[in-house]
C-alpha atoms as a PDB file:
ATOM      1  CA  UNK A   1      -0.931 -19.537  -3.999  1.00  0.00           C
ATOM      2  CA  UNK A   2       0.258 -15.928  -4.161  1.00  0.00           C
ATOM      3  CA  UNK A   3      -0.569 -13.569  -1.326  1.00  0.00           C
ATOM      4  CA  UNK A   4       0.244  -9.901  -1.292  1.00  0.00           C
ATOM      5  CA  UNK A   5      -0.521  -7.739   1.721  1.00  0.00           C
ATOM      6  CA  UNK A   6      -0.769  -4.015   1.077  1.00  0.00           C
ATOM      7  CA  UNK A   7      -0.349  -2.041   4.303  1.00  0.00           C
ATOM      8  CA  UNK A   8      -0.071   1.645   5.040  1.00  0.00           C
ATOM      9  CA  UNK A   9      -1.508   4.692   6.725  1.00  0.00           C
ATOM     10  CA  UNK A  10      -5.120   5.780   6.230  1.00  0.00           C
ATOM     11  CA  UNK A  11      -5.563   7.595   2.935  1.00  0.00           C
ATOM     12  CA  UNK A  12      -2.261   6.323   1.525  1.00  0.00           C
ATOM     13  CA  UNK A  13      -3.886   4.594  -1.458  1.00  0.00           C
ATOM     14  CA  UNK A  14      -3.781   0.990  -0.231  1.00  0.00           C
ATOM     15  CA  UNK A  15      -7.112   0.023  -1.790  1.00  0.00           C
ATOM     16  CA  UNK A  16      -6.256   1.659  -5.106  1.00  0.00           C
ATOM     17  CA  UNK A  17      -2.901  -0.120  -5.239  1.00  0.00           C
ATOM     18  CA  UNK A  18      -4.409  -3.445  -4.153  1.00  0.00           C
ATOM     19  CA  UNK A  19      -7.082  -3.281  -6.875  1.00  0.00           C
ATOM     20  CA  UNK A  20      -4.478  -2.588  -9.558  1.00  0.00           C
ATOM     21  CA  UNK A  21      -2.145  -5.360  -8.381  1.00  0.00           C
ATOM     22  CA  UNK A  22      -5.049  -7.837  -8.218  1.00  0.00           C
ATOM     23  CA  UNK A  23      -6.169  -6.849 -11.717  1.00  0.00           C
ATOM     24  CA  UNK A  24      -2.721  -7.131 -13.256  1.00  0.00           C
ATOM     25  CA  UNK A  25      -1.865 -10.432 -11.598  1.00  0.00           C
ATOM     26  CA  UNK A  26      -5.382 -11.876 -11.961  1.00  0.00           C
ATOM     27  CA  UNK A  27      -5.618 -12.523  -8.220  1.00  0.00           C
ATOM     28  CA  UNK A  28      -8.669 -12.232  -5.976  1.00  0.00           C
ATOM     29  CA  UNK A  29      -8.881  -9.076  -3.883  1.00  0.00           C
ATOM     30  CA  UNK A  30      -9.883  -9.554  -0.257  1.00  0.00           C
ATOM     31  CA  UNK A  31     -10.424  -6.503   1.944  1.00  0.00           C
ATOM     32  CA  UNK A  32      -9.438  -7.544   5.458  1.00  0.00           C
ATOM     33  CA  UNK A  33     -11.546  -4.764   6.986  1.00  0.00           C
ATOM     34  CA  UNK A  34     -14.601  -6.836   6.126  1.00  0.00           C
ATOM     35  CA  UNK A  35     -13.017 -10.192   7.100  1.00  0.00           C
ATOM     36  CA  UNK A  36     -10.916  -9.605  10.245  1.00  0.00           C
ATOM     37  CA  UNK A  37     -10.985 -13.288  11.237  1.00  0.00           C
ATOM     38  CA  UNK A  38      -8.681 -14.023   8.298  1.00  0.00           C
ATOM     39  CA  UNK A  39      -5.929 -12.288  10.271  1.00  0.00           C
ATOM     40  CA  UNK A  40      -6.310 -14.450  13.374  1.00  0.00           C
ATOM     41  CA  UNK A  41      -3.029 -16.155  14.116  1.00  0.00           C
ATOM     42  CA  UNK A  42      -1.159 -14.336  11.351  1.00  0.00           C
ATOM     43  CA  UNK A  43       2.222 -12.985  12.363  1.00  0.00           C
ATOM     44  CA  UNK A  44       2.754  -9.318  11.628  1.00  0.00           C
ATOM     45  CA  UNK A  45       5.998 -10.075   9.816  1.00  0.00           C
ATOM     46  CA  UNK A  46       7.730 -13.277   8.786  1.00  0.00           C
ATOM     47  CA  UNK A  47      11.465 -12.936   8.038  1.00  0.00           C
ATOM     48  CA  UNK A  48      11.338 -15.659   5.390  1.00  0.00           C
ATOM     49  CA  UNK A  49       8.845 -13.727   3.264  1.00  0.00           C
ATOM     50  CA  UNK A  50       9.945 -11.120   0.738  1.00  0.00           C
ATOM     51  CA  UNK A  51       9.099  -7.531   1.598  1.00  0.00           C
ATOM     52  CA  UNK A  52       8.853  -4.641  -0.840  1.00  0.00           C
ATOM     53  CA  UNK A  53       8.720  -1.216   0.780  1.00  0.00           C
ATOM     54  CA  UNK A  54       7.420   1.501  -1.497  1.00  0.00           C
ATOM     55  CA  UNK A  55       7.844   4.923   0.063  1.00  0.00           C
ATOM     56  CA  UNK A  56       6.856   7.280  -2.736  1.00  0.00           C
ATOM     57  CA  UNK A  57       4.395   7.462  -5.594  1.00  0.00           C
ATOM     58  CA  UNK A  58       7.307   7.176  -8.022  1.00  0.00           C
ATOM     59  CA  UNK A  59       8.380   3.895  -6.400  1.00  0.00           C
ATOM     60  CA  UNK A  60       4.806   2.580  -6.593  1.00  0.00           C
ATOM     61  CA  UNK A  61       4.543   3.543 -10.276  1.00  0.00           C
ATOM     62  CA  UNK A  62       7.867   1.858 -11.023  1.00  0.00           C
ATOM     63  CA  UNK A  63       6.842  -1.317  -9.212  1.00  0.00           C
ATOM     64  CA  UNK A  64       3.485  -1.417 -11.036  1.00  0.00           C
ATOM     65  CA  UNK A  65       5.223  -0.841 -14.378  1.00  0.00           C
ATOM     66  CA  UNK A  66       7.288  -3.972 -13.755  1.00  0.00           C
ATOM     67  CA  UNK A  67       4.144  -6.119 -13.340  1.00  0.00           C
ATOM     68  CA  UNK A  68       2.628  -7.879 -16.327  1.00  0.00           C
ATOM     69  CA  UNK A  69      -0.095  -5.804 -18.008  1.00  0.00           C
ATOM     70  CA  UNK A  70      -3.596  -6.790 -16.987  1.00  0.00           C
END
């Protein structure tokens, strides 16, 4: 199972990015704001998991362009 967590500051475009990633990868989209219990017991960061840090809109666009079209 693939899991992608999109995190960021308020108003940064997390929901917009998450919707597009879910659409392109044909994955379900779960908003954790409405299901906080899903985060119980989840570590904030696991060193064995890959992390992609996108710091600008250009980086986000480039990363999305590399995904399969949805």
